[in-house]
Amino acid sequence: AQQELIEKEREKEKERHLKIQRHAEAVRQQVRERETLTVTQRRELFREGERLEEEARNRRARLDEIKEKKLREL
């Protein structure tokens, strides 16, 4: 009977250990996913900033062309 009790305790301990391992892996996976999402968001923000800068350069170039044209017409 004592041997059975010891074996049951070992099984319980083994199960607790596996549960802790699964939980730890799930947490690590969540951290990896969050890091990947953060990197992706930063890249998107950087691309958006580049796009806005390009639009601003294009607007300035168009305005400069219009100014030059108006000055030539005068």
N, C-alpha and C. Protein backbone atom coordinates (compact mmCIF):
# COMPACT_ATOMS: atom_id res chain seq x y z
N ALA A 1 0.83 -1.20 0.00
CA ALA A 1 0.00 0.00 0.00
C ALA A 1 0.88 1.26 0.00
N GLN A 2 1.94 1.20 0.78
CA GLN A 2 2.82 2.37 0.84
C GLN A 2 3.50 2.59 -0.51
N GLN A 3 3.87 1.49 -1.15
CA GLN A 3 4.52 1.60 -2.46
C GLN A 3 3.57 2.23 -3.48
N GLU A 4 2.29 1.82 -3.43
CA GLU A 4 1.29 2.41 -4.33
C GLU A 4 1.14 3.90 -4.07
N LEU A 5 1.13 4.28 -2.82
CA LEU A 5 1.01 5.69 -2.45
C LEU A 5 2.20 6.50 -2.98
N ILE A 6 3.40 5.93 -2.84
CA ILE A 6 4.60 6.59 -3.35
C ILE A 6 4.51 6.74 -4.86
N GLU A 7 4.06 5.70 -5.54
CA GLU A 7 3.94 5.74 -7.01
C GLU A 7 2.91 6.79 -7.44
N LYS A 8 1.79 6.87 -6.73
CA LYS A 8 0.78 7.88 -7.05
C LYS A 8 1.34 9.29 -6.87
N GLU A 9 2.11 9.50 -5.83
CA GLU A 9 2.72 10.80 -5.58
C GLU A 9 3.71 11.16 -6.70
N ARG A 10 4.47 10.16 -7.15
CA ARG A 10 5.40 10.39 -8.26
C ARG A 10 4.64 10.80 -9.52
N GLU A 11 3.55 10.11 -9.78
CA GLU A 11 2.74 10.43 -10.96
C GLU A 11 2.16 11.85 -10.86
N LYS A 12 1.68 12.20 -9.66
CA LYS A 12 1.14 13.55 -9.47
C LYS A 12 2.23 14.60 -9.70
N GLU A 13 3.41 14.32 -9.16
CA GLU A 13 4.53 15.26 -9.30
C GLU A 13 4.94 15.38 -10.77
N LYS A 14 4.96 14.26 -11.44
CA LYS A 14 5.29 14.26 -12.87
C LYS A 14 4.27 15.09 -13.65
N GLU A 15 3.00 14.90 -13.34
CA GLU A 15 1.94 15.64 -14.01
C GLU A 15 2.03 17.14 -13.72
N ARG A 16 2.34 17.50 -12.49
CA ARG A 16 2.50 18.92 -12.14
C ARG A 16 3.67 19.51 -12.92
N HIS A 17 4.76 18.76 -13.00
CA HIS A 17 5.94 19.22 -13.72
C HIS A 17 5.61 19.45 -15.20
N LEU A 18 4.91 18.51 -15.81
CA LEU A 18 4.52 18.66 -17.22
C LEU A 18 3.60 19.86 -17.42
N LYS A 19 2.69 20.05 -16.49
CA LYS A 19 1.77 21.19 -16.58
C LYS A 19 2.54 22.51 -16.52
N ILE A 20 3.51 22.58 -15.62
CA ILE A 20 4.34 23.78 -15.50
C ILE A 20 5.14 24.01 -16.78
N GLN A 21 5.69 22.94 -17.34
CA GLN A 21 6.45 23.06 -18.59
C GLN A 21 5.55 23.56 -19.73
N ARG A 22 4.36 23.01 -19.84
CA ARG A 22 3.44 23.44 -20.91
C ARG A 22 3.07 24.90 -20.74
N HIS A 23 2.81 25.29 -19.52
CA HIS A 23 2.46 26.69 -19.26
C HIS A 23 3.63 27.61 -19.61
N ALA A 24 4.84 27.22 -19.20
CA ALA A 24 6.02 28.04 -19.49
C ALA A 24 6.22 28.18 -21.00
N GLU A 25 6.03 27.10 -21.73
CA GLU A 25 6.18 27.15 -23.20
C GLU A 25 5.11 28.04 -23.82
N ALA A 26 3.90 27.97 -23.29
CA ALA A 26 2.83 28.83 -23.81
C ALA A 26 3.17 30.30 -23.58
N VAL A 27 3.71 30.61 -22.42
CA VAL A 27 4.09 32.00 -22.12
C VAL A 27 5.22 32.45 -23.05
N ARG A 28 6.21 31.59 -23.25
CA ARG A 28 7.32 31.93 -24.16
C ARG A 28 6.80 32.17 -25.58
N GLN A 29 5.85 31.35 -26.00
CA GLN A 29 5.26 31.52 -27.34
C GLN A 29 4.54 32.87 -27.45
N GLN A 30 3.81 33.23 -26.42
CA GLN A 30 3.12 34.53 -26.42
C GLN A 30 4.12 35.68 -26.50
N VAL A 31 5.22 35.55 -25.79
CA VAL A 31 6.25 36.59 -25.81
C VAL A 31 6.84 36.70 -27.23
N ARG A 32 7.14 35.57 -27.84
CA ARG A 32 7.68 35.59 -29.21
C ARG A 32 6.69 36.23 -30.18
N GLU A 33 5.42 35.88 -30.05
CA GLU A 33 4.40 36.45 -30.94
C GLU A 33 4.29 37.96 -30.74
N ARG A 34 4.33 38.39 -29.49
CA ARG A 34 4.24 39.83 -29.20
C ARG A 34 5.45 40.57 -29.76
N GLU A 35 6.64 39.98 -29.63
CA GLU A 35 7.85 40.60 -30.18
C GLU A 35 7.76 40.71 -31.70
N THR A 36 7.28 39.65 -32.34
CA THR A 36 7.12 39.66 -33.80
C THR A 36 6.13 40.74 -34.22
N LEU A 37 5.04 40.85 -33.49
CA LEU A 37 4.04 41.87 -33.80
C LEU A 37 4.63 43.28 -33.64
N THR A 38 5.40 43.48 -32.59
CA THR A 38 6.02 44.78 -32.34
C THR A 38 6.97 45.15 -33.48
N VAL A 39 7.79 44.19 -33.91
CA VAL A 39 8.72 44.45 -35.02
C VAL A 39 7.94 44.79 -36.28
N THR A 40 6.90 44.05 -36.55
CA THR A 40 6.08 44.30 -37.74
C THR A 40 5.46 45.69 -37.68
N GLN A 41 4.95 46.07 -36.53
CA GLN A 41 4.34 47.39 -36.39
C GLN A 41 5.36 48.50 -36.58
N ARG A 42 6.57 48.30 -36.06
CA ARG A 42 7.62 49.31 -36.24
C ARG A 42 7.99 49.47 -37.71
N ARG A 43 8.10 48.34 -38.41
CA ARG A 43 8.41 48.39 -39.84
C ARG A 43 7.32 49.14 -40.60
N GLU A 44 6.07 48.84 -40.28
CA GLU A 44 4.96 49.51 -40.95
C GLU A 44 4.98 51.01 -40.67
N LEU A 45 5.27 51.37 -39.43
CA LEU A 45 5.34 52.79 -39.06
C LEU A 45 6.48 53.47 -39.82
N PHE A 46 7.61 52.80 -39.93
CA PHE A 46 8.75 53.35 -40.67
C PHE A 46 8.39 53.54 -42.14
N ARG A 47 7.74 52.53 -42.74
CA ARG A 47 7.33 52.64 -44.14
C ARG A 47 6.34 53.78 -44.33
N GLU A 48 5.42 53.92 -43.40
CA GLU A 48 4.44 55.01 -43.48
C GLU A 48 5.15 56.36 -43.43
N GLY A 49 6.14 56.47 -42.54
CA GLY A 49 6.91 57.71 -42.45
C GLY A 49 7.64 58.01 -43.74
N GLU A 50 8.23 56.98 -44.34
CA GLU A 50 8.91 57.17 -45.62
C GLU A 50 7.93 57.61 -46.71
N ARG A 51 6.77 56.99 -46.71
CA ARG A 51 5.75 57.32 -47.72
C ARG A 51 5.31 58.78 -47.56
N LEU A 52 5.10 59.21 -46.32
CA LEU A 52 4.68 60.59 -46.07
C LEU A 52 5.77 61.58 -46.48
N GLU A 53 7.03 61.22 -46.22
CA GLU A 53 8.13 62.09 -46.63
C GLU A 53 8.18 62.21 -48.15
N GLU A 54 7.99 61.10 -48.83
CA GLU A 54 8.00 61.11 -50.29
C GLU A 54 6.86 61.98 -50.83
N GLU A 55 5.69 61.86 -50.23
CA GLU A 55 4.56 62.70 -50.65
C GLU A 55 4.88 64.18 -50.44
N ALA A 56 5.49 64.51 -49.31
CA ALA A 56 5.85 65.90 -49.02
C ALA A 56 6.87 66.40 -50.04
N ARG A 57 7.86 65.57 -50.38
CA ARG A 57 8.85 65.97 -51.40
C ARG A 57 8.18 66.22 -52.74
N ASN A 58 7.26 65.33 -53.11
CA ASN A 58 6.55 65.49 -54.38
C ASN A 58 5.72 66.78 -54.39
N ARG A 59 5.06 67.07 -53.27
CA ARG A 59 4.26 68.31 -53.20
C ARG A 59 5.17 69.54 -53.34
N ARG A 60 6.30 69.51 -52.64
CA ARG A 60 7.23 70.64 -52.74
C ARG A 60 7.75 70.80 -54.17
N ALA A 61 8.04 69.69 -54.82
CA ALA A 61 8.54 69.74 -56.20
C ALA A 61 7.46 70.32 -57.11
N ARG A 62 6.22 69.90 -56.94
CA ARG A 62 5.13 70.43 -57.77
C ARG A 62 4.95 71.92 -57.53
N LEU A 63 5.01 72.34 -56.26
CA LEU A 63 4.88 73.77 -55.95
C LEU A 63 6.02 74.56 -56.57
N ASP A 64 7.22 74.00 -56.49
CA ASP A 64 8.36 74.70 -57.10
C ASP A 64 8.17 74.84 -58.61
N GLU A 65 7.66 73.79 -59.24
CA GLU A 65 7.40 73.86 -60.68
C GLU A 65 6.37 74.93 -61.00
N ILE A 66 5.32 74.97 -60.18
CA ILE A 66 4.26 75.97 -60.41
C ILE A 66 4.83 77.37 -60.22
N LYS A 67 5.64 77.57 -59.19
CA LYS A 67 6.26 78.89 -58.95
C LYS A 67 7.12 79.29 -60.13
N GLU A 68 7.95 78.36 -60.61
CA GLU A 68 8.82 78.65 -61.76
C GLU A 68 7.99 79.03 -62.98
N LYS A 69 6.92 78.30 -63.19
CA LYS A 69 6.06 78.57 -64.34
C LYS A 69 5.44 79.97 -64.23
N LYS A 70 4.94 80.31 -63.05
CA LYS A 70 4.31 81.62 -62.82
C LYS A 70 5.35 82.73 -63.02
N LEU A 71 6.57 82.49 -62.49
CA LEU A 71 7.61 83.50 -62.63
C LEU A 71 7.98 83.72 -64.11
N ARG A 72 8.02 82.63 -64.87
CA ARG A 72 8.33 82.75 -66.30
C ARG A 72 7.21 83.50 -67.03
N GLU A 73 5.97 83.31 -66.58
CA GLU A 73 4.85 83.98 -67.23
C GLU A 73 4.85 85.48 -66.95
N LEU A 74 5.46 85.88 -65.84
CA LEU A 74 5.50 87.31 -65.53
C LEU A 74 6.49 87.99 -66.36
